[in-house]
Amino acid sequence: MRTVLITGTAGFIGFHLAQLMLDEGFRVVGYDAMTDYYDVQLKRRRHQQLLQNRHFSCTEGYLEDYDTLARVCDDAKPDVIVHLAGQAGVRYSLENPRSYMESNVMGTFNVLECARIHAVAHLLMASTSSVYGANTDMPFQEVHRTDTPLTLYAATKRANEHMGHSYAHLWKIPITMFRFFTVYGPWGRPDLALFKFVKAGLNGDSIDVYNNGQMARDFTYVADLVRGIRLLVDVPPQEPASPDDIAAGDSLSPVAPFRVVNIGNGTKVPLMDFIKAIEDALGIPLKKNFMAMQKGDVHETWADNGLLTQLTGYTPQTDVAEGIRQFVAWYREYYDK
């Protein structure tokens, strides 16, 4: 039985990935700080679900606490590490930037050190579509420039990519960074738009619609996302013998076993269409408070999934309307609405 250490198993994406890995016969060792960035009870309920499987264990600890993280790794002896934990949220980085430096930079450094010491077969780490920043050349491809981040959150994730590349080069650790695109679905985070919009609608409150609704996102259903991660686990990058061996469009480094991969739905959905799908799923209109563009936001995101498909044969394809229906069904059951 292969062992995977997943950081952030009480989080939205980590919870779903842990469930999938358990279903596929892995031993899953979780690590999560249970921070109060959002409802800790929701995080604990996720862990309670996972603990029903005897092949799951977890430790509460901060990424910045190297001694605890190292002890967990020493005990687990993981074959694979999937690093998902960190301080999330684009807008929160405007309010509490220090937490992003501590968790996303120092915390990721600690994960890299553990991967180096244990010489894992594959280290996979979360990045974000936010690293594309001010780039307007769409759909976004992994080989596009990412030197114009618009928030500190994006900057820390781009720093993680650079840190990962240096470790892959120096220590020959196969490392894959995956860039997420606006993930949504059941058990989602309360700070995400879908959660906030559904909650407001059921409570009769208005929703804030930024840039007067003139925005678009590549909305990625969480089950599709974690399926992509699971498949990438079995495709560790290998350092090429020469740059000529790198296929066109592949982000594989010419000097390290390192690669960046987009995981998105591959579809650009206007914000107002997204809101309409929520209204259809709820069966009620939403009261809208139209506002100006918020600092740090981008107008559009759109993933090119070509590399993911090339590597794994898989392409995310859940329709946004169906994904929203699944979330609304979960929300009504969880909150008895």
C-alpha atoms as a PDB file:
ATOM      1  CA  MET A   1       0.000   0.000   0.000  1.00  0.00           C
ATOM      2  CA  ARG A   2       1.440   3.346  -1.032  1.00  0.00           C
ATOM      3  CA  THR A   3       1.492   6.151   1.514  1.00  0.00           C
ATOM      4  CA  VAL A   4       0.675   9.732   0.593  1.00  0.00           C
ATOM      5  CA  LEU A   5       1.137  12.670   2.946  1.00  0.00           C
ATOM      6  CA  ILE A   6      -1.384  15.403   2.162  1.00  0.00           C
ATOM      7  CA  THR A   7      -1.091  18.798   3.817  1.00  0.00           C
ATOM      8  CA  GLY A   8      -4.411  20.586   4.260  1.00  0.00           C
ATOM      9  CA  THR A   9      -6.686  17.538   4.593  1.00  0.00           C
ATOM     10  CA  ALA A  10      -9.246  19.524   6.609  1.00  0.00           C
ATOM     11  CA  GLY A  11      -9.396  22.041   3.774  1.00  0.00           C
ATOM     12  CA  PHE A  12     -11.795  22.036   0.850  1.00  0.00           C
ATOM     13  CA  ILE A  13      -9.533  20.521  -1.803  1.00  0.00           C
ATOM     14  CA  GLY A  14      -7.425  18.421   0.553  1.00  0.00           C
ATOM     15  CA  PHE A  15     -10.541  16.746   1.954  1.00  0.00           C
ATOM     16  CA  HIS A  16     -11.764  15.739  -1.495  1.00  0.00           C
ATOM     17  CA  LEU A  17      -8.326  14.548  -2.589  1.00  0.00           C
ATOM     18  CA  ALA A  18      -7.887  12.485   0.583  1.00  0.00           C
ATOM     19  CA  GLN A  19     -11.259  10.822  -0.007  1.00  0.00           C
ATOM     20  CA  LEU A  20     -10.309   9.960  -3.569  1.00  0.00           C
ATOM     21  CA  MET A  21      -6.890   8.600  -2.591  1.00  0.00           C
ATOM     22  CA  LEU A  22      -8.436   6.474   0.166  1.00  0.00           C
ATOM     23  CA  ASP A  23     -11.006   5.131  -2.287  1.00  0.00           C
ATOM     24  CA  GLU A  24      -8.149   4.130  -4.586  1.00  0.00           C
ATOM     25  CA  GLY A  25      -6.319   2.160  -1.921  1.00  0.00           C
ATOM     26  CA  PHE A  26      -3.743   4.635  -0.596  1.00  0.00           C
ATOM     27  CA  ARG A  27      -2.802   5.101   3.023  1.00  0.00           C
ATOM     28  CA  VAL A  28      -3.378   8.808   3.633  1.00  0.00           C
ATOM     29  CA  VAL A  29      -1.557  10.786   6.323  1.00  0.00           C
ATOM     30  CA  GLY A  30      -3.112  14.217   6.837  1.00  0.00           C
ATOM     31  CA  TYR A  31      -1.617  17.397   8.246  1.00  0.00           C
ATOM     32  CA  ASP A  32      -3.641  20.525   8.948  1.00  0.00           C
ATOM     33  CA  ALA A  33      -3.414  23.527  11.281  1.00  0.00           C
ATOM     34  CA  MET A  34      -7.178  24.041  11.685  1.00  0.00           C
ATOM     35  CA  THR A  35      -6.696  27.808  11.464  1.00  0.00           C
ATOM     36  CA  ASP A  36      -9.693  30.085  12.037  1.00  0.00           C
ATOM     37  CA  TYR A  37      -9.542  31.761   8.614  1.00  0.00           C
ATOM     38  CA  TYR A  38     -13.034  30.309   8.242  1.00  0.00           C
ATOM     39  CA  ASP A  39     -15.392  28.047  10.222  1.00  0.00           C
ATOM     40  CA  VAL A  40     -13.232  25.503  12.064  1.00  0.00           C
ATOM     41  CA  GLN A  41     -16.269  23.302  12.664  1.00  0.00           C
ATOM     42  CA  LEU A  42     -16.588  22.759   8.914  1.00  0.00           C
ATOM     43  CA  LYS A  43     -12.940  21.675   8.842  1.00  0.00           C
ATOM     44  CA  ARG A  44     -13.472  19.283  11.738  1.00  0.00           C
ATOM     45  CA  ARG A  45     -16.511  17.766  10.041  1.00  0.00           C
ATOM     46  CA  ARG A  46     -14.362  17.062   6.983  1.00  0.00           C
ATOM     47  CA  HIS A  47     -11.773  15.275   9.113  1.00  0.00           C
ATOM     48  CA  GLN A  48     -14.529  13.318  10.866  1.00  0.00           C
ATOM     49  CA  GLN A  49     -15.629  12.025   7.472  1.00  0.00           C
ATOM     50  CA  LEU A  50     -12.095  10.957   6.582  1.00  0.00           C
ATOM     51  CA  LEU A  51     -11.444   9.310   9.954  1.00  0.00           C
ATOM     52  CA  GLN A  52     -14.166   6.792   9.188  1.00  0.00           C
ATOM     53  CA  ASN A  53     -11.572   5.100   6.970  1.00  0.00           C
ATOM     54  CA  ARG A  54      -8.976   3.136   8.957  1.00  0.00           C
ATOM     55  CA  HIS A  55      -6.270   4.030   6.441  1.00  0.00           C
ATOM     56  CA  PHE A  56      -6.501   7.726   7.294  1.00  0.00           C
ATOM     57  CA  SER A  57      -4.654   9.435  10.117  1.00  0.00           C
ATOM     58  CA  CYS A  58      -4.068  13.104  10.806  1.00  0.00           C
ATOM     59  CA  THR A  59      -2.004  15.506  12.853  1.00  0.00           C
ATOM     60  CA  GLU A  60      -2.890  19.079  13.738  1.00  0.00           C
ATOM     61  CA  GLY A  61       0.068  21.376  13.199  1.00  0.00           C
ATOM     62  CA  TYR A  62       1.254  24.485  11.409  1.00  0.00           C
ATOM     63  CA  LEU A  63       3.405  24.285   8.314  1.00  0.00           C
ATOM     64  CA  GLU A  64       5.753  26.728  10.011  1.00  0.00           C
ATOM     65  CA  ASP A  65       6.288  24.194  12.826  1.00  0.00           C
ATOM     66  CA  TYR A  66       9.092  22.259  11.172  1.00  0.00           C
ATOM     67  CA  ASP A  67       9.687  19.900  14.105  1.00  0.00           C
ATOM     68  CA  THR A  68       6.094  18.639  14.078  1.00  0.00           C
ATOM     69  CA  LEU A  69       5.938  18.358  10.297  1.00  0.00           C
ATOM     70  CA  ALA A  70       9.283  16.537  10.208  1.00  0.00           C
ATOM     71  CA  ARG A  71       8.150  14.110  12.913  1.00  0.00           C
ATOM     72  CA  VAL A  72       4.999  13.292  10.930  1.00  0.00           C
ATOM     73  CA  CYS A  73       7.086  12.659   7.823  1.00  0.00           C
ATOM     74  CA  ASP A  74       9.563  10.508   9.753  1.00  0.00           C
ATOM     75  CA  ASP A  75       6.729   8.358  11.088  1.00  0.00           C
ATOM     76  CA  ALA A  76       4.789   8.170   7.819  1.00  0.00           C
ATOM     77  CA  LYS A  77       7.715   7.591   5.427  1.00  0.00           C
ATOM     78  CA  PRO A  78       5.565   8.837   2.527  1.00  0.00           C
ATOM     79  CA  ASP A  79       6.078   7.690  -1.035  1.00  0.00           C
ATOM     80  CA  VAL A  80       4.336  10.838  -2.292  1.00  0.00           C
ATOM     81  CA  ILE A  81       3.652  14.250  -0.770  1.00  0.00           C
ATOM     82  CA  VAL A  82       0.803  16.466  -1.998  1.00  0.00           C
ATOM     83  CA  HIS A  83       1.168  19.939  -0.525  1.00  0.00           C
ATOM     84  CA  LEU A  84      -2.170  21.771  -0.497  1.00  0.00           C
ATOM     85  CA  ALA A  85      -2.081  23.600   2.835  1.00  0.00           C
ATOM     86  CA  GLY A  86      -1.397  27.302   3.019  1.00  0.00           C
ATOM     87  CA  GLN A  87      -3.066  30.650   3.464  1.00  0.00           C
ATOM     88  CA  ALA A  88      -5.707  30.903   0.758  1.00  0.00           C
ATOM     89  CA  GLY A  89      -7.732  33.833  -0.541  1.00  0.00           C
ATOM     90  CA  VAL A  90      -6.846  36.661  -2.879  1.00  0.00           C
ATOM     91  CA  ARG A  91      -8.685  39.381  -0.978  1.00  0.00           C
ATOM     92  CA  TYR A  92      -7.548  38.364   2.498  1.00  0.00           C
ATOM     93  CA  SER A  93      -3.953  38.949   1.404  1.00  0.00           C
ATOM     94  CA  LEU A  94      -4.777  42.668   1.418  1.00  0.00           C
ATOM     95  CA  GLU A  95      -5.719  42.476   5.109  1.00  0.00           C
ATOM     96  CA  ASN A  96      -3.208  40.036   6.565  1.00  0.00           C
ATOM     97  CA  PRO A  97      -0.188  39.755   4.268  1.00  0.00           C
ATOM     98  CA  ARG A  98       2.123  38.385   6.960  1.00  0.00           C
ATOM     99  CA  SER A  99       0.166  35.141   7.212  1.00  0.00           C
ATOM    100  CA  TYR A 100       0.884  34.474   3.535  1.00  0.00           C
ATOM    101  CA  MET A 101       4.613  34.869   4.015  1.00  0.00           C
ATOM    102  CA  GLU A 102       4.662  32.641   7.083  1.00  0.00           C
ATOM    103  CA  SER A 103       2.430  29.865   5.759  1.00  0.00           C
ATOM    104  CA  ASN A 104       2.979  29.924   2.000  1.00  0.00           C
ATOM    105  CA  VAL A 105       6.696  30.707   1.917  1.00  0.00           C
ATOM    106  CA  MET A 106       8.210  29.379   5.154  1.00  0.00           C
ATOM    107  CA  GLY A 107       5.678  26.559   5.347  1.00  0.00           C
ATOM    108  CA  THR A 108       6.415  25.437   1.803  1.00  0.00           C
ATOM    109  CA  PHE A 109      10.142  25.589   2.512  1.00  0.00           C
ATOM    110  CA  ASN A 110       9.566  23.132   5.358  1.00  0.00           C
ATOM    111  CA  VAL A 111       7.632  20.788   3.074  1.00  0.00           C
ATOM    112  CA  LEU A 112      10.458  20.936   0.524  1.00  0.00           C
ATOM    113  CA  GLU A 113      12.971  20.051   3.224  1.00  0.00           C
ATOM    114  CA  CYS A 114      10.905  17.043   4.273  1.00  0.00           C
ATOM    115  CA  ALA A 115      10.624  15.909   0.664  1.00  0.00           C
ATOM    116  CA  ARG A 116      14.400  16.240   0.278  1.00  0.00           C
ATOM    117  CA  ILE A 117      15.225  14.315   3.437  1.00  0.00           C
ATOM    118  CA  HIS A 118      12.853  11.474   2.582  1.00  0.00           C
ATOM    119  CA  ALA A 119      13.669  11.458  -1.154  1.00  0.00           C
ATOM    120  CA  VAL A 120      10.007  11.061  -2.079  1.00  0.00           C
ATOM    121  CA  ALA A 121       9.132   9.581  -5.446  1.00  0.00           C
ATOM    122  CA  HIS A 122       7.002  12.624  -6.315  1.00  0.00           C
ATOM    123  CA  LEU A 123       6.182  15.938  -4.649  1.00  0.00           C
ATOM    124  CA  LEU A 124       3.094  17.740  -5.944  1.00  0.00           C
ATOM    125  CA  MET A 125       2.337  21.290  -4.777  1.00  0.00           C
ATOM    126  CA  ALA A 126      -0.560  23.675  -5.214  1.00  0.00           C
ATOM    127  CA  SER A 127      -0.132  26.884  -7.138  1.00  0.00           C
ATOM    128  CA  THR A 128      -2.890  29.091  -8.554  1.00  0.00           C
ATOM    129  CA  SER A 129      -4.174  30.698 -11.720  1.00  0.00           C
ATOM    130  CA  SER A 130      -3.557  34.003  -9.918  1.00  0.00           C
ATOM    131  CA  VAL A 131       0.124  33.735 -10.882  1.00  0.00           C
ATOM    132  CA  TYR A 132      -0.862  34.742 -14.427  1.00  0.00           C
ATOM    133  CA  GLY A 133      -1.542  38.178 -12.970  1.00  0.00           C
ATOM    134  CA  ALA A 134      -1.866  40.929 -15.543  1.00  0.00           C
ATOM    135  CA  ASN A 135      -1.376  38.536 -18.459  1.00  0.00           C
ATOM    136  CA  THR A 136      -4.264  38.881 -20.926  1.00  0.00           C
ATOM    137  CA  ASP A 137      -3.098  36.279 -23.446  1.00  0.00           C
ATOM    138  CA  MET A 138      -5.800  33.596 -23.091  1.00  0.00           C
ATOM    139  CA  PRO A 139      -6.378  30.773 -22.619  1.00  0.00           C
ATOM    140  CA  PHE A 140      -3.521  30.708 -20.113  1.00  0.00           C
ATOM    141  CA  GLN A 141      -0.769  28.251 -20.951  1.00  0.00           C
ATOM    142  CA  GLU A 142       1.854  27.005 -18.518  1.00  0.00           C
ATOM    143  CA  VAL A 143       4.630  28.434 -20.688  1.00  0.00           C
ATOM    144  CA  HIS A 144       3.183  31.970 -20.585  1.00  0.00           C
ATOM    145  CA  ARG A 145       5.034  34.637 -18.617  1.00  0.00           C
ATOM    146  CA  THR A 146       3.963  34.990 -14.984  1.00  0.00           C
ATOM    147  CA  ASP A 147       6.028  37.946 -13.816  1.00  0.00           C
ATOM    148  CA  THR A 148       3.162  40.388 -13.130  1.00  0.00           C
ATOM    149  CA  PRO A 149       1.377  39.117  -9.965  1.00  0.00           C
ATOM    150  CA  LEU A 150      -1.368  41.442  -8.733  1.00  0.00           C
ATOM    151  CA  THR A 151      -1.562  40.277  -5.108  1.00  0.00           C
ATOM    152  CA  LEU A 152       0.817  39.048  -2.459  1.00  0.00           C
ATOM    153  CA  TYR A 153      -1.063  35.737  -2.497  1.00  0.00           C
ATOM    154  CA  ALA A 154      -0.158  35.265  -6.157  1.00  0.00           C
ATOM    155  CA  ALA A 155       3.413  36.372  -5.489  1.00  0.00           C
ATOM    156  CA  THR A 156       3.856  33.774  -2.727  1.00  0.00           C
ATOM    157  CA  LYS A 157       2.536  31.021  -4.979  1.00  0.00           C
ATOM    158  CA  ARG A 158       4.888  32.054  -7.771  1.00  0.00           C
ATOM    159  CA  ALA A 159       7.679  32.031  -5.204  1.00  0.00           C
ATOM    160  CA  ASN A 160       6.675  28.452  -4.357  1.00  0.00           C
ATOM    161  CA  GLU A 161       7.093  27.513  -8.007  1.00  0.00           C
ATOM    162  CA  HIS A 162      10.591  28.985  -8.054  1.00  0.00           C
ATOM    163  CA  MET A 163      11.469  27.280  -4.772  1.00  0.00           C
ATOM    164  CA  GLY A 164      10.207  23.982  -6.125  1.00  0.00           C
ATOM    165  CA  HIS A 165      12.275  24.305  -9.267  1.00  0.00           C
ATOM    166  CA  SER A 166      15.450  24.953  -7.294  1.00  0.00           C
ATOM    167  CA  TYR A 167      14.876  21.863  -5.107  1.00  0.00           C
ATOM    168  CA  ALA A 168      14.089  19.725  -8.146  1.00  0.00           C
ATOM    169  CA  HIS A 169      17.316  20.884  -9.769  1.00  0.00           C
ATOM    170  CA  LEU A 170      19.544  20.589  -6.710  1.00  0.00           C
ATOM    171  CA  TRP A 171      18.205  17.369  -5.216  1.00  0.00           C
ATOM    172  CA  LYS A 172      16.556  15.709  -8.245  1.00  0.00           C
ATOM    173  CA  ILE A 173      13.183  15.508  -6.530  1.00  0.00           C
ATOM    174  CA  PRO A 174      10.411  15.062  -9.139  1.00  0.00           C
ATOM    175  CA  ILE A 175       8.118  18.038  -8.514  1.00  0.00           C
ATOM    176  CA  THR A 176       4.827  18.955 -10.178  1.00  0.00           C
ATOM    177  CA  MET A 177       3.152  22.298  -9.478  1.00  0.00           C
ATOM    178  CA  PHE A 178      -0.514  22.501 -10.426  1.00  0.00           C
ATOM    179  CA  ARG A 179      -2.304  25.786 -11.025  1.00  0.00           C
ATOM    180  CA  PHE A 180      -5.934  25.760  -9.876  1.00  0.00           C
ATOM    181  CA  PHE A 181      -8.695  27.757 -11.551  1.00  0.00           C
ATOM    182  CA  THR A 182     -11.604  28.944  -9.317  1.00  0.00           C
ATOM    183  CA  VAL A 183     -12.498  25.676  -7.617  1.00  0.00           C
ATOM    184  CA  TYR A 184     -16.061  25.124  -6.350  1.00  0.00           C
ATOM    185  CA  GLY A 185     -18.282  22.291  -5.179  1.00  0.00           C
ATOM    186  CA  PRO A 186     -19.674  20.506  -2.088  1.00  0.00           C
ATOM    187  CA  TRP A 187     -17.868  21.126   1.207  1.00  0.00           C
ATOM    188  CA  GLY A 188     -16.538  24.379  -0.285  1.00  0.00           C
ATOM    189  CA  ARG A 189     -15.008  27.296   1.601  1.00  0.00           C
ATOM    190  CA  PRO A 190     -17.378  29.920   3.062  1.00  0.00           C
ATOM    191  CA  ASP A 191     -15.233  32.749   1.650  1.00  0.00           C
ATOM    192  CA  LEU A 192     -15.752  31.609  -1.953  1.00  0.00           C
ATOM    193  CA  ALA A 193     -18.301  33.333  -4.177  1.00  0.00           C
ATOM    194  CA  LEU A 194     -20.595  30.345  -4.689  1.00  0.00           C
ATOM    195  CA  PHE A 195     -20.900  29.713  -0.954  1.00  0.00           C
ATOM    196  CA  LYS A 196     -21.527  33.380  -0.192  1.00  0.00           C
ATOM    197  CA  PHE A 197     -24.065  33.782  -3.007  1.00  0.00           C
ATOM    198  CA  VAL A 198     -26.067  30.688  -2.035  1.00  0.00           C
ATOM    199  CA  LYS A 199     -26.043  31.656   1.648  1.00  0.00           C
ATOM    200  CA  ALA A 200     -27.189  35.203   0.836  1.00  0.00           C
ATOM    201  CA  GLY A 201     -29.908  33.989  -1.503  1.00  0.00           C
ATOM    202  CA  LEU A 202     -31.395  31.585   1.039  1.00  0.00           C
ATOM    203  CA  ASN A 203     -31.217  34.257   3.751  1.00  0.00           C
ATOM    204  CA  GLY A 204     -32.822  36.901   1.542  1.00  0.00           C
ATOM    205  CA  ASP A 205     -29.682  39.064   1.551  1.00  0.00           C
ATOM    206  CA  SER A 206     -28.060  40.821  -1.408  1.00  0.00           C
ATOM    207  CA  ILE A 207     -24.806  39.747  -3.045  1.00  0.00           C
ATOM    208  CA  ASP A 208     -21.881  41.986  -4.025  1.00  0.00           C
ATOM    209  CA  VAL A 209     -21.169  41.810  -7.751  1.00  0.00           C
ATOM    210  CA  TYR A 210     -17.809  43.378  -8.565  1.00  0.00           C
ATOM    211  CA  ASN A 211     -16.952  45.317 -11.717  1.00  0.00           C
ATOM    212  CA  ASN A 212     -20.692  45.512 -12.349  1.00  0.00           C
ATOM    213  CA  GLY A 213     -20.652  41.849 -13.337  1.00  0.00           C
ATOM    214  CA  GLN A 214     -18.209  42.361 -16.205  1.00  0.00           C
ATOM    215  CA  MET A 215     -15.910  39.492 -15.226  1.00  0.00           C
ATOM    216  CA  ALA A 216     -15.378  35.870 -16.240  1.00  0.00           C
ATOM    217  CA  ARG A 217     -13.834  32.849 -14.556  1.00  0.00           C
ATOM    218  CA  ASP A 218     -12.812  29.327 -15.453  1.00  0.00           C
ATOM    219  CA  PHE A 219     -14.883  27.539 -12.797  1.00  0.00           C
ATOM    220  CA  THR A 220     -13.469  24.093 -11.942  1.00  0.00           C
ATOM    221  CA  TYR A 221     -15.570  21.471 -10.169  1.00  0.00           C
ATOM    222  CA  VAL A 222     -13.680  20.044  -7.203  1.00  0.00           C
ATOM    223  CA  ALA A 223     -14.145  16.394  -8.219  1.00  0.00           C
ATOM    224  CA  ASP A 224     -12.584  17.172 -11.598  1.00  0.00           C
ATOM    225  CA  LEU A 225      -9.702  18.974  -9.942  1.00  0.00           C
ATOM    226  CA  VAL A 226      -8.765  16.179  -7.546  1.00  0.00           C
ATOM    227  CA  ARG A 227      -9.088  13.607 -10.327  1.00  0.00           C
ATOM    228  CA  GLY A 228      -6.509  15.608 -12.248  1.00  0.00           C
ATOM    229  CA  ILE A 229      -4.192  15.695  -9.226  1.00  0.00           C
ATOM    230  CA  ARG A 230      -4.612  11.958  -8.649  1.00  0.00           C
ATOM    231  CA  LEU A 231      -3.649  11.177 -12.236  1.00  0.00           C
ATOM    232  CA  LEU A 232      -0.641  13.500 -12.083  1.00  0.00           C
ATOM    233  CA  VAL A 233       0.638  11.577  -9.049  1.00  0.00           C
ATOM    234  CA  ASP A 234       1.532   8.746 -11.424  1.00  0.00           C
ATOM    235  CA  VAL A 235       3.301  11.038 -13.920  1.00  0.00           C
ATOM    236  CA  PRO A 236       6.394  12.339 -12.110  1.00  0.00           C
ATOM    237  CA  PRO A 237       8.451  14.623 -14.355  1.00  0.00           C
ATOM    238  CA  GLN A 238      11.827  13.404 -15.548  1.00  0.00           C
ATOM    239  CA  GLU A 239      14.689  15.730 -16.384  1.00  0.00           C
ATOM    240  CA  PRO A 240      15.193  15.624 -20.159  1.00  0.00           C
ATOM    241  CA  ALA A 241      18.479  14.548 -21.675  1.00  0.00           C
ATOM    242  CA  SER A 242      18.419  17.752 -23.732  1.00  0.00           C
ATOM    243  CA  PRO A 243      16.024  20.669 -24.338  1.00  0.00           C
ATOM    244  CA  ASP A 244      15.200  19.134 -27.716  1.00  0.00           C
ATOM    245  CA  ASP A 245      13.430  16.302 -25.889  1.00  0.00           C
ATOM    246  CA  ILE A 246      10.772  18.636 -24.461  1.00  0.00           C
ATOM    247  CA  ALA A 247       7.507  18.477 -26.393  1.00  0.00           C
ATOM    248  CA  ALA A 248       5.948  21.678 -27.688  1.00  0.00           C
ATOM    249  CA  GLY A 249       3.796  23.318 -25.024  1.00  0.00           C
ATOM    250  CA  ASP A 250       5.308  21.265 -22.204  1.00  0.00           C
ATOM    251  CA  SER A 251       6.448  23.280 -19.187  1.00  0.00           C
ATOM    252  CA  LEU A 252       9.050  20.644 -18.264  1.00  0.00           C
ATOM    253  CA  SER A 253      12.271  22.259 -17.092  1.00  0.00           C
ATOM    254  CA  PRO A 254      15.355  21.679 -19.272  1.00  0.00           C
ATOM    255  CA  VAL A 255      17.518  21.318 -16.137  1.00  0.00           C
ATOM    256  CA  ALA A 256      15.306  19.632 -13.519  1.00  0.00           C
ATOM    257  CA  PRO A 257      12.538  17.046 -13.031  1.00  0.00           C
ATOM    258  CA  PHE A 258      10.043  19.871 -12.636  1.00  0.00           C
ATOM    259  CA  ARG A 259       6.795  20.767 -14.385  1.00  0.00           C
ATOM    260  CA  VAL A 260       3.840  23.160 -13.999  1.00  0.00           C
ATOM    261  CA  VAL A 261       0.360  21.979 -15.031  1.00  0.00           C
ATOM    262  CA  ASN A 262      -2.935  23.867 -15.323  1.00  0.00           C
ATOM    263  CA  ILE A 263      -6.060  22.197 -13.946  1.00  0.00           C
ATOM    264  CA  GLY A 264      -9.144  24.133 -15.015  1.00  0.00           C
ATOM    265  CA  ASN A 265     -12.416  23.437 -16.738  1.00  0.00           C
ATOM    266  CA  GLY A 266     -11.129  24.981 -19.948  1.00  0.00           C
ATOM    267  CA  THR A 267     -14.210  27.198 -20.284  1.00  0.00           C
ATOM    268  CA  LYS A 268     -14.532  30.928 -19.648  1.00  0.00           C
ATOM    269  CA  VAL A 269     -17.867  31.608 -17.912  1.00  0.00           C
ATOM    270  CA  PRO A 270     -19.199  35.174 -17.537  1.00  0.00           C
ATOM    271  CA  LEU A 271     -19.943  36.073 -13.925  1.00  0.00           C
ATOM    272  CA  MET A 272     -23.556  36.939 -14.681  1.00  0.00           C
ATOM    273  CA  ASP A 273     -24.074  33.496 -16.270  1.00  0.00           C
ATOM    274  CA  PHE A 274     -22.623  31.950 -13.110  1.00  0.00           C
ATOM    275  CA  ILE A 275     -25.078  33.948 -10.984  1.00  0.00           C
ATOM    276  CA  LYS A 276     -27.968  32.937 -13.252  1.00  0.00           C
ATOM    277  CA  ALA A 277     -27.054  29.269 -12.751  1.00  0.00           C
ATOM    278  CA  ILE A 278     -27.170  29.800  -8.977  1.00  0.00           C
ATOM    279  CA  GLU A 279     -30.591  31.436  -9.272  1.00  0.00           C
ATOM    280  CA  ASP A 280     -31.826  28.483 -11.347  1.00  0.00           C
ATOM    281  CA  ALA A 281     -30.495  25.977  -8.805  1.00  0.00           C
ATOM    282  CA  LEU A 282     -32.081  27.860  -5.894  1.00  0.00           C
ATOM    283  CA  GLY A 283     -35.295  28.653  -7.735  1.00  0.00           C
ATOM    284  CA  ILE A 284     -35.153  32.288  -6.603  1.00  0.00           C
ATOM    285  CA  PRO A 285     -33.675  35.539  -7.952  1.00  0.00           C
ATOM    286  CA  LEU A 286     -30.671  37.015  -6.151  1.00  0.00           C
ATOM    287  CA  LYS A 287     -30.620  40.619  -4.999  1.00  0.00           C
ATOM    288  CA  LYS A 288     -27.536  42.197  -6.555  1.00  0.00           C
ATOM    289  CA  ASN A 289     -25.407  45.024  -5.264  1.00  0.00           C
ATOM    290  CA  PHE A 290     -23.267  46.092  -8.241  1.00  0.00           C
ATOM    291  CA  MET A 291     -19.876  47.439  -7.271  1.00  0.00           C
ATOM    292  CA  ALA A 292     -16.601  48.653  -8.768  1.00  0.00           C
ATOM    293  CA  MET A 293     -13.660  46.346  -9.430  1.00  0.00           C
ATOM    294  CA  GLN A 294     -11.941  45.259  -6.227  1.00  0.00           C
ATOM    295  CA  LYS A 295      -8.228  45.836  -5.731  1.00  0.00           C
ATOM    296  CA  GLY A 296      -6.136  42.857  -6.805  1.00  0.00           C
ATOM    297  CA  ASP A 297      -8.885  41.222  -8.879  1.00  0.00           C
ATOM    298  CA  VAL A 298      -8.462  40.180 -12.506  1.00  0.00           C
ATOM    299  CA  HIS A 299     -11.081  40.536 -15.221  1.00  0.00           C
ATOM    300  CA  GLU A 300     -10.881  37.001 -16.597  1.00  0.00           C
ATOM    301  CA  THR A 301      -9.277  33.591 -16.166  1.00  0.00           C
ATOM    302  CA  TRP A 302      -9.273  30.748 -18.679  1.00  0.00           C
ATOM    303  CA  ALA A 303      -7.160  27.588 -18.601  1.00  0.00           C
ATOM    304  CA  ASP A 304      -5.581  25.742 -21.471  1.00  0.00           C
ATOM    305  CA  ASN A 305      -5.803  22.101 -20.315  1.00  0.00           C
ATOM    306  CA  GLY A 306      -3.773  20.701 -23.195  1.00  0.00           C
ATOM    307  CA  LEU A 307      -0.793  19.677 -21.082  1.00  0.00           C
ATOM    308  CA  LEU A 308      -2.944  17.929 -18.454  1.00  0.00           C
ATOM    309  CA  THR A 309      -4.686  15.953 -21.188  1.00  0.00           C
ATOM    310  CA  GLN A 310      -1.376  15.166 -22.874  1.00  0.00           C
ATOM    311  CA  LEU A 311       0.087  13.802 -19.634  1.00  0.00           C
ATOM    312  CA  THR A 312      -2.926  11.959 -18.214  1.00  0.00           C
ATOM    313  CA  GLY A 313      -5.498  11.549 -20.995  1.00  0.00           C
ATOM    314  CA  TYR A 314      -7.965  13.396 -18.754  1.00  0.00           C
ATOM    315  CA  THR A 315      -9.868  16.631 -19.330  1.00  0.00           C
ATOM    316  CA  PRO A 316     -12.152  18.208 -16.683  1.00  0.00           C
ATOM    317  CA  GLN A 317     -15.619  18.703 -18.099  1.00  0.00           C
ATOM    318  CA  THR A 318     -18.282  19.108 -15.418  1.00  0.00           C
ATOM    319  CA  ASP A 319     -20.820  21.679 -16.579  1.00  0.00           C
ATOM    320  CA  VAL A 320     -21.052  24.698 -14.278  1.00  0.00           C
ATOM    321  CA  ALA A 321     -24.829  24.396 -13.922  1.00  0.00           C
ATOM    322  CA  GLU A 322     -24.497  20.771 -12.810  1.00  0.00           C
ATOM    323  CA  GLY A 323     -21.673  21.582 -10.417  1.00  0.00           C
ATOM    324  CA  ILE A 324     -23.712  24.369  -8.843  1.00  0.00           C
ATOM    325  CA  ARG A 325     -26.702  22.035  -8.433  1.00  0.00           C
ATOM    326  CA  GLN A 326     -24.452  19.587  -6.576  1.00  0.00           C
ATOM    327  CA  PHE A 327     -23.209  22.342  -4.270  1.00  0.00           C
ATOM    328  CA  VAL A 328     -26.712  23.648  -3.539  1.00  0.00           C
ATOM    329  CA  ALA A 329     -27.889  20.126  -2.699  1.00  0.00           C
ATOM    330  CA  TRP A 330     -24.965  19.704  -0.280  1.00  0.00           C
ATOM    331  CA  TYR A 331     -25.515  23.163   1.272  1.00  0.00           C
ATOM    332  CA  ARG A 332     -29.229  22.531   1.881  1.00  0.00           C
ATOM    333  CA  GLU A 333     -28.489  19.182   3.525  1.00  0.00           C
ATOM    334  CA  TYR A 334     -25.527  20.395   5.599  1.00  0.00           C
ATOM    335  CA  TYR A 335     -27.275  23.525   6.893  1.00  0.00           C
ATOM    336  CA  ASP A 336     -30.782  22.030   6.845  1.00  0.00           C
ATOM    337  CA  LYS A 337     -32.087  24.774   4.535  1.00  0.00           C
END
